Amino acid sequence: MEGDWEIAVHSTKGESAWQLHVDKIPGNTIKAVIQRIDGDTGSLYGDDHAENDTAEYTVSHLPRWPCPLLLQAPAGRTLLVSNLLNDKQTDLVARRPAEARKENLPHPPTHPADQH
């Protein structure tokens, strides 16, 4: 699950993709950040259940807080992203950048800070 992902979206701000980055950090924790056109979500943390075969992670701004996002890695090359605080939002599908290009999906927006 670690690394970069691209989430296909249809946002009210005209976005068609967001970037998701997931890292493992010490203490059996994962850190995720979603980059959008207007900034990022801030760091979202969750427990790394490496021994758990479900590959399902809940992440929030602080460990063990009510979790706004559920990341599920079903068999295959996609990641399902669910907003647990918004039952009207359907699951979003994230793909590795190379897979997104193979499917001709749009790139996430470029941010001025990324253009060094």
PDB file of N, CA and C in Angstrom:
ATOM      1  N   MET A   1       0.822  -1.189   0.000  1.00  0.00           N
ATOM      2  CA  MET A   1       0.000   0.000   0.000  1.00  0.00           C
ATOM      3  C   MET A   1       0.869   1.256   0.000  1.00  0.00           C
ATOM      4  N   GLU A   2       2.109   1.139   0.397  1.00  0.00           N
ATOM      5  CA  GLU A   2       2.982   2.320   0.450  1.00  0.00           C
ATOM      6  C   GLU A   2       3.194   2.925  -0.929  1.00  0.00           C
ATOM      7  N   GLY A   3       3.473   4.221  -0.935  1.00  0.00           N
ATOM      8  CA  GLY A   3       3.833   4.898  -2.168  1.00  0.00           C
ATOM      9  C   GLY A   3       2.740   5.819  -2.667  1.00  0.00           C
ATOM     10  N   ASP A   4       2.845   6.149  -3.954  1.00  0.00           N
ATOM     11  CA  ASP A   4       1.932   7.107  -4.579  1.00  0.00           C
ATOM     12  C   ASP A   4       0.758   6.406  -5.248  1.00  0.00           C
ATOM     13  N   TRP A   5      -0.394   7.050  -5.133  1.00  0.00           N
ATOM     14  CA  TRP A   5      -1.632   6.605  -5.751  1.00  0.00           C
ATOM     15  C   TRP A   5      -2.307   7.834  -6.357  1.00  0.00           C
ATOM     16  N   GLU A   6      -3.166   7.613  -7.319  1.00  0.00           N
ATOM     17  CA  GLU A   6      -3.978   8.686  -7.877  1.00  0.00           C
ATOM     18  C   GLU A   6      -5.440   8.288  -7.737  1.00  0.00           C
ATOM     19  N   ILE A   7      -6.233   9.199  -7.188  1.00  0.00           N
ATOM     20  CA  ILE A   7      -7.643   8.943  -6.934  1.00  0.00           C
ATOM     21  C   ILE A   7      -8.464   9.649  -8.012  1.00  0.00           C
ATOM     22  N   ALA A   8      -9.252   8.892  -8.739  1.00  0.00           N
ATOM     23  CA  ALA A   8     -10.143   9.473  -9.746  1.00  0.00           C
ATOM     24  C   ALA A   8     -11.328  10.106  -9.022  1.00  0.00           C
ATOM     25  N   VAL A   9     -11.587  11.392  -9.295  1.00  0.00           N
ATOM     26  CA  VAL A   9     -12.682  12.120  -8.644  1.00  0.00           C
ATOM     27  C   VAL A   9     -13.413  13.001  -9.657  1.00  0.00           C
ATOM     28  N   HIS A  10     -14.545  13.485  -9.238  1.00  0.00           N
ATOM     29  CA  HIS A  10     -15.285  14.534  -9.953  1.00  0.00           C
ATOM     30  C   HIS A  10     -15.679  15.527  -8.876  1.00  0.00           C
ATOM     31  N   SER A  11     -14.768  16.439  -8.550  1.00  0.00           N
ATOM     32  CA  SER A  11     -15.011  17.347  -7.436  1.00  0.00           C
ATOM     33  C   SER A  11     -15.777  18.583  -7.883  1.00  0.00           C
ATOM     34  N   THR A  12     -16.346  19.280  -6.903  1.00  0.00           N
ATOM     35  CA  THR A  12     -17.067  20.520  -7.182  1.00  0.00           C
ATOM     36  C   THR A  12     -16.122  21.623  -7.632  1.00  0.00           C
ATOM     37  N   LYS A  13     -14.806  21.420  -7.436  1.00  0.00           N
ATOM     38  CA  LYS A  13     -13.808  22.412  -7.850  1.00  0.00           C
ATOM     39  C   LYS A  13     -13.245  22.107  -9.231  1.00  0.00           C
ATOM     40  N   GLY A  14     -13.842  21.128  -9.914  1.00  0.00           N
ATOM     41  CA  GLY A  14     -13.419  20.805 -11.267  1.00  0.00           C
ATOM     42  C   GLY A  14     -12.267  19.821 -11.349  1.00  0.00           C
ATOM     43  N   GLU A  15     -11.869  19.244 -10.235  1.00  0.00           N
ATOM     44  CA  GLU A  15     -10.766  18.282 -10.252  1.00  0.00           C
ATOM     45  C   GLU A  15     -11.235  16.928 -10.776  1.00  0.00           C
ATOM     46  N   SER A  16     -10.335  16.236 -11.445  1.00  0.00           N
ATOM     47  CA  SER A  16     -10.640  14.882 -11.895  1.00  0.00           C
ATOM     48  C   SER A  16      -9.686  13.860 -11.291  1.00  0.00           C
ATOM     49  N   ALA A  17      -8.717  14.328 -10.497  1.00  0.00           N
ATOM     50  CA  ALA A  17      -7.796  13.406  -9.825  1.00  0.00           C
ATOM     51  C   ALA A  17      -7.149  14.101  -8.625  1.00  0.00           C
ATOM     52  N   TRP A  18      -6.922  13.310  -7.584  1.00  0.00           N
ATOM     53  CA  TRP A  18      -6.149  13.748  -6.421  1.00  0.00           C
ATOM     54  C   TRP A  18      -4.963  12.813  -6.273  1.00  0.00           C
ATOM     55  N   GLN A  19      -3.924  13.280  -5.625  1.00  0.00           N
ATOM     56  CA  GLN A  19      -2.772  12.421  -5.347  1.00  0.00           C
ATOM     57  C   GLN A  19      -2.848  11.953  -3.897  1.00  0.00           C
ATOM     58  N   LEU A  20      -2.628  10.665  -3.674  1.00  0.00           N
ATOM     59  CA  LEU A  20      -2.572  10.069  -2.343  1.00  0.00           C
ATOM     60  C   LEU A  20      -1.183   9.498  -2.152  1.00  0.00           C
ATOM     61  N   HIS A  21      -0.545   9.842  -1.038  1.00  0.00           N
ATOM     62  CA  HIS A  21       0.763   9.269  -0.722  1.00  0.00           C
ATOM     63  C   HIS A  21       0.653   8.571   0.628  1.00  0.00           C
ATOM     64  N   VAL A  22       1.132   7.331   0.683  1.00  0.00           N
ATOM     65  CA  VAL A  22       1.077   6.524   1.908  1.00  0.00           C
ATOM     66  C   VAL A  22       2.484   6.091   2.279  1.00  0.00           C
ATOM     67  N   ASP A  23       2.859   6.292   3.545  1.00  0.00           N
ATOM     68  CA  ASP A  23       4.162   5.868   4.086  1.00  0.00           C
ATOM     69  C   ASP A  23       3.950   5.027   5.325  1.00  0.00           C
ATOM     70  N   LYS A  24       4.853   4.080   5.551  1.00  0.00           N
ATOM     71  CA  LYS A  24       4.932   3.403   6.842  1.00  0.00           C
ATOM     72  C   LYS A  24       5.908   4.201   7.689  1.00  0.00           C
ATOM     73  N   ILE A  25       5.547   4.432   8.942  1.00  0.00           N
ATOM     74  CA  ILE A  25       6.441   5.150   9.845  1.00  0.00           C
ATOM     75  C   ILE A  25       6.637   4.295  11.098  1.00  0.00           C
ATOM     76  N   PRO A  26       7.674   4.566  11.889  1.00  0.00           N
ATOM     77  CA  PRO A  26       7.946   3.734  13.067  1.00  0.00           C
ATOM     78  C   PRO A  26       6.737   3.643  13.990  1.00  0.00           C
ATOM     79  N   GLY A  27       6.649   2.512  14.659  1.00  0.00           N
ATOM     80  CA  GLY A  27       5.578   2.303  15.613  1.00  0.00           C
ATOM     81  C   GLY A  27       4.361   1.626  15.000  1.00  0.00           C
ATOM     82  N   ASN A  28       4.559   0.848  13.924  1.00  0.00           N
ATOM     83  CA  ASN A  28       3.440   0.169  13.253  1.00  0.00           C
ATOM     84  C   ASN A  28       2.330   1.139  12.875  1.00  0.00           C
ATOM     85  N   THR A  29       2.723   2.232  12.253  1.00  0.00           N
ATOM     86  CA  THR A  29       1.780   3.272  11.859  1.00  0.00           C
ATOM     87  C   THR A  29       1.947   3.571  10.379  1.00  0.00           C
ATOM     88  N   ILE A  30       0.842   3.912   9.735  1.00  0.00           N
ATOM     89  CA  ILE A  30       0.928   4.432   8.366  1.00  0.00           C
ATOM     90  C   ILE A  30       0.514   5.893   8.404  1.00  0.00           C
ATOM     91  N   LYS A  31       1.068   6.658   7.463  1.00  0.00           N
ATOM     92  CA  LYS A  31       0.727   8.071   7.305  1.00  0.00           C
ATOM     93  C   LYS A  31       0.276   8.266   5.868  1.00  0.00           C
ATOM     94  N   ALA A  32      -0.869   8.900   5.694  1.00  0.00           N
ATOM     95  CA  ALA A  32      -1.404   9.161   4.361  1.00  0.00           C
ATOM     96  C   ALA A  32      -1.699  10.651   4.223  1.00  0.00           C
ATOM     97  N   VAL A  33      -1.501  11.175   3.022  1.00  0.00           N
ATOM     98  CA  VAL A  33      -1.821  12.568   2.711  1.00  0.00           C
ATOM     99  C   VAL A  33      -2.468  12.588   1.333  1.00  0.00           C
ATOM    100  N   ILE A  34      -3.588  13.291   1.234  1.00  0.00           N
ATOM    101  CA  ILE A  34      -4.246  13.483  -0.061  1.00  0.00           C
ATOM    102  C   ILE A  34      -4.006  14.917  -0.493  1.00  0.00           C
ATOM    103  N   GLN A  35      -3.409  15.082  -1.673  1.00  0.00           N
ATOM    104  CA  GLN A  35      -3.129  16.400  -2.234  1.00  0.00           C
ATOM    105  C   GLN A  35      -4.236  16.757  -3.214  1.00  0.00           C
ATOM    106  N   ARG A  36      -4.866  17.903  -2.971  1.00  0.00           N
ATOM    107  CA  ARG A  36      -5.930  18.386  -3.840  1.00  0.00           C
ATOM    108  C   ARG A  36      -5.495  19.711  -4.454  1.00  0.00           C
ATOM    109  N   ILE A  37      -6.328  20.270  -5.299  1.00  0.00           N
ATOM    110  CA  ILE A  37      -5.978  21.510  -5.987  1.00  0.00           C
ATOM    111  C   ILE A  37      -5.790  22.665  -4.998  1.00  0.00           C
ATOM    112  N   ASP A  38      -6.494  22.625  -3.871  1.00  0.00           N
ATOM    113  CA  ASP A  38      -6.428  23.721  -2.909  1.00  0.00           C
ATOM    114  C   ASP A  38      -5.570  23.391  -1.684  1.00  0.00           C
ATOM    115  N   GLY A  39      -4.760  22.373  -1.769  1.00  0.00           N
ATOM    116  CA  GLY A  39      -3.889  22.005  -0.654  1.00  0.00           C
ATOM    117  C   GLY A  39      -4.045  20.531  -0.320  1.00  0.00           C
ATOM    118  N   ASP A  40      -3.613  20.173   0.874  1.00  0.00           N
ATOM    119  CA  ASP A  40      -3.709  18.768   1.239  1.00  0.00           C
ATOM    120  C   ASP A  40      -4.559  18.582   2.485  1.00  0.00           C
ATOM    121  N   THR A  41      -4.831  17.329   2.781  1.00  0.00           N
ATOM    122  CA  THR A  41      -5.678  16.983   3.920  1.00  0.00           C
ATOM    123  C   THR A  41      -4.948  17.142   5.241  1.00  0.00           C
ATOM    124  N   GLY A  42      -3.642  17.331   5.179  1.00  0.00           N
ATOM    125  CA  GLY A  42      -2.838  17.196   6.385  1.00  0.00           C
ATOM    126  C   GLY A  42      -2.552  15.715   6.557  1.00  0.00           C
ATOM    127  N   SER A  43      -1.667  15.389   7.464  1.00  0.00           N
ATOM    128  CA  SER A  43      -1.296  13.991   7.663  1.00  0.00           C
ATOM    129  C   SER A  43      -2.424  13.233   8.339  1.00  0.00           C
ATOM    130  N   LEU A  44      -2.714  12.060   7.798  1.00  0.00           N
ATOM    131  CA  LEU A  44      -3.714  11.150   8.353  1.00  0.00           C
ATOM    132  C   LEU A  44      -2.985   9.900   8.809  1.00  0.00           C
ATOM    133  N   TYR A  45      -3.243   9.456  10.023  1.00  0.00           N
ATOM    134  CA  TYR A  45      -2.505   8.336  10.607  1.00  0.00           C
ATOM    135  C   TYR A  45      -3.425   7.168  10.904  1.00  0.00           C
ATOM    136  N   GLY A  46      -2.865   5.971  10.832  1.00  0.00           N
ATOM    137  CA  GLY A  46      -3.596   4.759  11.190  1.00  0.00           C
ATOM    138  C   GLY A  46      -2.631   3.667  11.575  1.00  0.00           C
ATOM    139  N   ASP A  47      -3.146   2.640  12.225  1.00  0.00           N
ATOM    140  CA  ASP A  47      -2.323   1.504  12.619  1.00  0.00           C
ATOM    141  C   ASP A  47      -2.035   0.636  11.409  1.00  0.00           C
ATOM    142  N   ASP A  48      -0.787   0.164  11.314  1.00  0.00           N
ATOM    143  CA  ASP A  48      -0.376  -0.746  10.252  1.00  0.00           C
ATOM    144  C   ASP A  48      -0.615  -2.164  10.748  1.00  0.00           C
ATOM    145  N   HIS A  49      -1.593  -2.826  10.160  1.00  0.00           N
ATOM    146  CA  HIS A  49      -1.912  -4.201  10.539  1.00  0.00           C
ATOM    147  C   HIS A  49      -1.291  -5.145   9.516  1.00  0.00           C
ATOM    148  N   ALA A  50       0.038  -5.164   9.449  1.00  0.00           N
ATOM    149  CA  ALA A  50       0.732  -5.961   8.441  1.00  0.00           C
ATOM    150  C   ALA A  50       0.346  -7.434   8.532  1.00  0.00           C
ATOM    151  N   GLU A  51       0.034  -7.908   9.739  1.00  0.00           N
ATOM    152  CA  GLU A  51      -0.328  -9.314   9.892  1.00  0.00           C
ATOM    153  C   GLU A  51      -1.769  -9.576   9.484  1.00  0.00           C
ATOM    154  N   ASN A  52      -2.529  -8.519   9.252  1.00  0.00           N
ATOM    155  CA  ASN A  52      -3.934  -8.644   8.907  1.00  0.00           C
ATOM    156  C   ASN A  52      -4.075  -8.797   7.395  1.00  0.00           C
ATOM    157  N   ASP A  53      -4.661  -9.898   6.967  1.00  0.00           N
ATOM    158  CA  ASP A  53      -4.776 -10.184   5.535  1.00  0.00           C
ATOM    159  C   ASP A  53      -5.783  -9.297   4.811  1.00  0.00           C
ATOM    160  N   THR A  54      -6.584  -8.534   5.536  1.00  0.00           N
ATOM    161  CA  THR A  54      -7.611  -7.735   4.872  1.00  0.00           C
ATOM    162  C   THR A  54      -7.039  -6.516   4.175  1.00  0.00           C
ATOM    163  N   ALA A  55      -5.837  -6.088   4.544  1.00  0.00           N
ATOM    164  CA  ALA A  55      -5.226  -4.881   3.964  1.00  0.00           C
ATOM    165  C   ALA A  55      -6.215  -3.730   4.019  1.00  0.00           C
ATOM    166  N   GLU A  56      -6.771  -3.509   5.193  1.00  0.00           N
ATOM    167  CA  GLU A  56      -7.752  -2.468   5.417  1.00  0.00           C
ATOM    168  C   GLU A  56      -7.232  -1.552   6.519  1.00  0.00           C
ATOM    169  N   TYR A  57      -7.229  -0.258   6.242  1.00  0.00           N
ATOM    170  CA  TYR A  57      -6.665   0.712   7.182  1.00  0.00           C
ATOM    171  C   TYR A  57      -7.654   1.842   7.383  1.00  0.00           C
ATOM    172  N   THR A  58      -7.831   2.265   8.625  1.00  0.00           N
ATOM    173  CA  THR A  58      -8.580   3.478   8.887  1.00  0.00           C
ATOM    174  C   THR A  58      -7.572   4.533   9.304  1.00  0.00           C
ATOM    175  N   VAL A  59      -7.716   5.715   8.753  1.00  0.00           N
ATOM    176  CA  VAL A  59      -6.764   6.792   9.030  1.00  0.00           C
ATOM    177  C   VAL A  59      -7.511   8.059   9.426  1.00  0.00           C
ATOM    178  N   SER A  60      -6.892   8.833  10.318  1.00  0.00           N
ATOM    179  CA  SER A  60      -7.465  10.108  10.756  1.00  0.00           C
ATOM    180  C   SER A  60      -6.321  11.043  11.135  1.00  0.00           C
ATOM    181  N   HIS A  61      -6.659  12.255  11.539  1.00  0.00           N
ATOM    182  CA  HIS A  61      -5.624  13.238  11.846  1.00  0.00           C
ATOM    183  C   HIS A  61      -4.782  12.862  13.057  1.00  0.00           C
ATOM    184  N   LEU A  62      -5.324  12.126  13.985  1.00  0.00           N
ATOM    185  CA  LEU A  62      -4.555  11.618  15.124  1.00  0.00           C
ATOM    186  C   LEU A  62      -4.902  10.153  15.311  1.00  0.00           C
ATOM    187  N   PRO A  63      -3.907   9.320  15.646  1.00  0.00           N
ATOM    188  CA  PRO A  63      -4.197   7.896  15.828  1.00  0.00           C
ATOM    189  C   PRO A  63      -5.319   7.686  16.841  1.00  0.00           C
ATOM    190  N   ARG A  64      -6.169   6.735  16.537  1.00  0.00           N
ATOM    191  CA  ARG A  64      -7.267   6.299  17.391  1.00  0.00           C
ATOM    192  C   ARG A  64      -8.404   7.321  17.525  1.00  0.00           C
ATOM    193  N   TRP A  65      -8.398   8.395  16.730  1.00  0.00           N
ATOM    194  CA  TRP A  65      -9.536   9.309  16.690  1.00  0.00           C
ATOM    195  C   TRP A  65     -10.575   8.712  15.761  1.00  0.00           C
ATOM    196  N   PRO A  66     -11.800   9.245  15.793  1.00  0.00           N
ATOM    197  CA  PRO A  66     -12.768   8.763  14.802  1.00  0.00           C
ATOM    198  C   PRO A  66     -12.169   8.897  13.403  1.00  0.00           C
ATOM    199  N   CYS A  67     -12.246   7.859  12.657  1.00  0.00           N
ATOM    200  CA  CYS A  67     -11.507   7.782  11.398  1.00  0.00           C
ATOM    201  C   CYS A  67     -12.318   8.308  10.225  1.00  0.00           C
ATOM    202  N   PRO A  68     -11.840   9.368   9.590  1.00  0.00           N
ATOM    203  CA  PRO A  68     -12.586   9.894   8.454  1.00  0.00           C
ATOM    204  C   PRO A  68     -12.416   9.083   7.185  1.00  0.00           C
ATOM    205  N   LEU A  69     -11.305   8.351   7.036  1.00  0.00           N
ATOM    206  CA  LEU A  69     -11.090   7.615   5.796  1.00  0.00           C
ATOM    207  C   LEU A  69     -10.792   6.150   6.068  1.00  0.00           C
ATOM    208  N   LEU A  70     -11.321   5.313   5.205  1.00  0.00           N
ATOM    209  CA  LEU A  70     -11.024   3.888   5.214  1.00  0.00           C
ATOM    210  C   LEU A  70     -10.315   3.586   3.906  1.00  0.00           C
ATOM    211  N   LEU A  71      -9.123   3.013   3.980  1.00  0.00           N
ATOM    212  CA  LEU A  71      -8.362   2.608   2.797  1.00  0.00           C
ATOM    213  C   LEU A  71      -8.409   1.091   2.726  1.00  0.00           C
ATOM    214  N   GLN A  72      -8.898   0.557   1.625  1.00  0.00           N
ATOM    215  CA  GLN A  72      -8.994  -0.883   1.454  1.00  0.00           C
ATOM    216  C   GLN A  72      -8.246  -1.283   0.194  1.00  0.00           C
ATOM    217  N   ALA A  73      -7.373  -2.253   0.333  1.00  0.00           N
ATOM    218  CA  ALA A  73      -6.614  -2.750  -0.809  1.00  0.00           C
ATOM    219  C   ALA A  73      -7.113  -4.153  -1.155  1.00  0.00           C
ATOM    220  N   PRO A  74      -8.184  -4.240  -1.961  1.00  0.00           N
ATOM    221  CA  PRO A  74      -8.656  -5.565  -2.362  1.00  0.00           C
ATOM    222  C   PRO A  74      -7.660  -6.197  -3.330  1.00  0.00           C
ATOM    223  N   ALA A  75      -7.854  -7.450  -3.639  1.00  0.00           N
ATOM    224  CA  ALA A  75      -6.964  -8.110  -4.600  1.00  0.00           C
ATOM    225  C   ALA A  75      -6.945  -7.294  -5.887  1.00  0.00           C
ATOM    226  N   GLY A  76      -5.792  -7.078  -6.420  1.00  0.00           N
ATOM    227  CA  GLY A  76      -5.668  -6.296  -7.646  1.00  0.00           C
ATOM    228  C   GLY A  76      -4.797  -5.078  -7.440  1.00  0.00           C
ATOM    229  N   ARG A  77      -4.886  -4.157  -8.382  1.00  0.00           N
ATOM    230  CA  ARG A  77      -3.997  -2.996  -8.363  1.00  0.00           C
ATOM    231  C   ARG A  77      -4.726  -1.710  -8.030  1.00  0.00           C
ATOM    232  N   THR A  78      -5.809  -1.796  -7.284  1.00  0.00           N
ATOM    233  CA  THR A  78      -6.538  -0.597  -6.902  1.00  0.00           C
ATOM    234  C   THR A  78      -6.635  -0.496  -5.388  1.00  0.00           C
ATOM    235  N   LEU A  79      -7.006   0.678  -4.946  1.00  0.00           N
ATOM    236  CA  LEU A  79      -7.203   0.961  -3.533  1.00  0.00           C
ATOM    237  C   LEU A  79      -8.543   1.684  -3.432  1.00  0.00           C
ATOM    238  N   LEU A  80      -9.427   1.210  -2.572  1.00  0.00           N
ATOM    239  CA  LEU A  80     -10.704   1.888  -2.365  1.00  0.00           C
ATOM    240  C   LEU A  80     -10.554   2.872  -1.223  1.00  0.00           C
ATOM    241  N   VAL A  81     -11.045   4.090  -1.427  1.00  0.00           N
ATOM    242  CA  VAL A  81     -10.958   5.149  -0.419  1.00  0.00           C
ATOM    243  C   VAL A  81     -12.380   5.553  -0.065  1.00  0.00           C
ATOM    244  N   SER A  82     -12.748   5.358   1.206  1.00  0.00           N
ATOM    245  CA  SER A  82     -14.102   5.677   1.673  1.00  0.00           C
ATOM    246  C   SER A  82     -14.038   6.757   2.724  1.00  0.00           C
ATOM    247  N   ASN A  83     -14.920   7.744   2.636  1.00  0.00           N
ATOM    248  CA  ASN A  83     -15.045   8.776   3.652  1.00  0.00           C
ATOM    249  C   ASN A  83     -16.100   8.305   4.647  1.00  0.00           C
ATOM    250  N   LEU A  84     -15.657   7.892   5.834  1.00  0.00           N
ATOM    251  CA  LEU A  84     -16.565   7.321   6.821  1.00  0.00           C
ATOM    252  C   LEU A  84     -17.478   8.361   7.458  1.00  0.00           C
ATOM    253  N   LEU A  85     -17.167   9.644   7.272  1.00  0.00           N
ATOM    254  CA  LEU A  85     -17.992  10.695   7.854  1.00  0.00           C
ATOM    255  C   LEU A  85     -19.012  11.253   6.866  1.00  0.00           C
ATOM    256  N   ASN A  86     -19.016  10.732   5.635  1.00  0.00           N
ATOM    257  CA  ASN A  86     -19.936  11.212   4.608  1.00  0.00           C
ATOM    258  C   ASN A  86     -20.548  10.014   3.902  1.00  0.00           C
ATOM    259  N   ASP A  87     -21.704   9.568   4.378  1.00  0.00           N
ATOM    260  CA  ASP A  87     -22.318   8.372   3.799  1.00  0.00           C
ATOM    261  C   ASP A  87     -22.917   8.616   2.414  1.00  0.00           C
ATOM    262  N   LYS A  88     -22.928   9.869   1.955  1.00  0.00           N
ATOM    263  CA  LYS A  88     -23.437  10.174   0.621  1.00  0.00           C
ATOM    264  C   LYS A  88     -22.353  10.044  -0.446  1.00  0.00           C
ATOM    265  N   GLN A  89     -21.090   9.985  -0.009  1.00  0.00           N
ATOM    266  CA  GLN A  89     -19.983   9.862  -0.959  1.00  0.00           C
ATOM    267  C   GLN A  89     -19.732   8.392  -1.262  1.00  0.00           C
ATOM    268  N   THR A  90     -19.659   8.071  -2.524  1.00  0.00           N
ATOM    269  CA  THR A  90     -19.356   6.693  -2.896  1.00  0.00           C
ATOM    270  C   THR A  90     -17.861   6.455  -2.751  1.00  0.00           C
ATOM    271  N   ASP A  91     -17.481   5.192  -2.710  1.00  0.00           N
ATOM    272  CA  ASP A  91     -16.066   4.864  -2.627  1.00  0.00           C
ATOM    273  C   ASP A  91     -15.329   5.417  -3.834  1.00  0.00           C
ATOM    274  N   LEU A  92     -14.152   5.958  -3.585  1.00  0.00           N
ATOM    275  CA  LEU A  92     -13.292   6.444  -4.653  1.00  0.00           C
ATOM    276  C   LEU A  92     -12.260   5.363  -4.953  1.00  0.00           C
ATOM    277  N   VAL A  93     -11.819   5.283  -6.189  1.00  0.00           N
ATOM    278  CA  VAL A  93     -10.843   4.280  -6.591  1.00  0.00           C
ATOM    279  C   VAL A  93      -9.510   4.960  -6.837  1.00  0.00           C
ATOM    280  N   ALA A  94      -8.477   4.444  -6.180  1.00  0.00           N
ATOM    281  CA  ALA A  94      -7.118   4.946  -6.384  1.00  0.00           C
ATOM    282  C   ALA A  94      -6.317   3.901  -7.150  1.00  0.00           C
ATOM    283  N   ARG A  95      -5.450   4.388  -8.024  1.00  0.00           N
ATOM    284  CA  ARG A  95      -4.581   3.518  -8.824  1.00  0.00           C
ATOM    285  C   ARG A  95      -3.156   4.035  -8.742  1.00  0.00           C
ATOM    286  N   ARG A  96      -2.215   3.162  -8.949  1.00  0.00           N
ATOM    287  CA  ARG A  96      -0.829   3.600  -9.067  1.00  0.00           C
ATOM    288  C   ARG A  96      -0.751   4.495 -10.306  1.00  0.00           C
ATOM    289  N   PRO A  97       0.145   5.489 -10.317  1.00  0.00           N
ATOM    290  CA  PRO A  97       0.225   6.398 -11.474  1.00  0.00           C
ATOM    291  C   PRO A  97       0.366   5.680 -12.818  1.00  0.00           C
ATOM    292  N   ALA A  98       1.178   4.646 -12.890  1.00  0.00           N
ATOM    293  CA  ALA A  98       1.350   3.937 -14.165  1.00  0.00           C
ATOM    294  C   ALA A  98       0.046   3.286 -14.623  1.00  0.00           C
ATOM    295  N   GLU A  99      -0.718   2.745 -13.682  1.00  0.00           N
ATOM    296  CA  GLU A  99      -2.012   2.140 -14.025  1.00  0.00           C
ATOM    297  C   GLU A  99      -3.007   3.205 -14.483  1.00  0.00           C
ATOM    298  N   ALA A 100      -2.984   4.364 -13.823  1.00  0.00           N
ATOM    299  CA  ALA A 100      -3.874   5.461 -14.216  1.00  0.00           C
ATOM    300  C   ALA A 100      -3.571   5.912 -15.645  1.00  0.00           C
ATOM    301  N   ARG A 101      -2.279   5.976 -16.010  1.00  0.00           N
ATOM    302  CA  ARG A 101      -1.918   6.372 -17.371  1.00  0.00           C
ATOM    303  C   ARG A 101      -2.384   5.324 -18.377  1.00  0.00           C
ATOM    304  N   LYS A 102      -2.249   4.026 -18.028  1.00  0.00           N
ATOM    305  CA  LYS A 102      -2.705   2.965 -18.939  1.00  0.00           C
ATOM    306  C   LYS A 102      -4.193   3.089 -19.222  1.00  0.00           C
ATOM    307  N   GLU A 103      -4.955   3.588 -18.238  1.00  0.00           N
ATOM    308  CA  GLU A 103      -6.393   3.741 -18.405  1.00  0.00           C
ATOM    309  C   GLU A 103      -6.759   5.137 -18.906  1.00  0.00           C
ATOM    310  N   ASN A 104      -5.751   5.915 -19.294  1.00  0.00           N
ATOM    311  CA  ASN A 104      -5.942   7.270 -19.819  1.00  0.00           C
ATOM    312  C   ASN A 104      -6.704   8.176 -18.861  1.00  0.00           C
ATOM    313  N   LEU A 105      -6.464   8.011 -17.564  1.00  0.00           N
ATOM    314  CA  LEU A 105      -7.088   8.882 -16.575  1.00  0.00           C
ATOM    315  C   LEU A 105      -6.277  10.165 -16.456  1.00  0.00           C
ATOM    316  N   PRO A 106      -6.926  11.263 -16.095  1.00  0.00           N
ATOM    317  CA  PRO A 106      -6.211  12.537 -15.979  1.00  0.00           C
ATOM    318  C   PRO A 106      -5.204  12.529 -14.840  1.00  0.00           C
ATOM    319  N   HIS A 107      -4.165  13.343 -15.001  1.00  0.00           N
ATOM    320  CA  HIS A 107      -3.162  13.538 -13.955  1.00  0.00           C
ATOM    321  C   HIS A 107      -3.760  14.375 -12.828  1.00  0.00           C
ATOM    322  N   PRO A 108      -3.267  14.180 -11.590  1.00  0.00           N
ATOM    323  CA  PRO A 108      -3.651  15.109 -10.518  1.00  0.00           C
ATOM    324  C   PRO A 108      -3.137  16.494 -10.864  1.00  0.00           C
ATOM    325  N   PRO A 109      -3.727  17.525 -10.294  1.00  0.00           N
ATOM    326  CA  PRO A 109      -3.272  18.895 -10.597  1.00  0.00           C
ATOM    327  C   PRO A 109      -1.828  19.111 -10.138  1.00  0.00           C
ATOM    328  N   THR A 110      -1.143  19.970 -10.856  1.00  0.00           N
ATOM    329  CA  THR A 110       0.217  20.354 -10.472  1.00  0.00           C
ATOM    330  C   THR A 110       0.119  21.556  -9.554  1.00  0.00           C
ATOM    331  N   HIS A 111       0.894  21.520  -8.488  1.00  0.00           N
ATOM    332  CA  HIS A 111       0.866  22.590  -7.503  1.00  0.00           C
ATOM    333  C   HIS A 111       2.121  23.436  -7.646  1.00  0.00           C
ATOM    334  N   PRO A 112       2.027  24.754  -7.474  1.00  0.00           N
ATOM    335  CA  PRO A 112       3.185  25.620  -7.630  1.00  0.00           C
ATOM    336  C   PRO A 112       4.371  25.166  -6.787  1.00  0.00           C
ATOM    337  N   ALA A 113       4.129  24.631  -5.605  1.00  0.00           N
ATOM    338  CA  ALA A 113       5.225  24.195  -4.738  1.00  0.00           C
ATOM    339  C   ALA A 113       5.970  23.013  -5.314  1.00  0.00           C
ATOM    340  N   ASP A 114       5.317  22.257  -6.228  1.00  0.00           N
ATOM    341  CA  ASP A 114       5.937  21.082  -6.838  1.00  0.00           C
ATOM    342  C   ASP A 114       6.770  21.434  -8.072  1.00  0.00           C
ATOM    343  N   GLN A 115       6.800  22.677  -8.489  1.00  0.00           N
ATOM    344  CA  GLN A 115       7.453  23.053  -9.732  1.00  0.00           C
ATOM    345  C   GLN A 115       8.826  23.678  -9.507  1.00  0.00           C
ATOM    346  N   HIS A 116       9.620  23.108  -8.646  1.00  0.00           N
ATOM    347  CA  HIS A 116      10.977  23.639  -8.406  1.00  0.00           C
ATOM    348  C   HIS A 116      11.965  23.070  -9.367  1.00  0.00           C
TER     349      HIS A 116
END
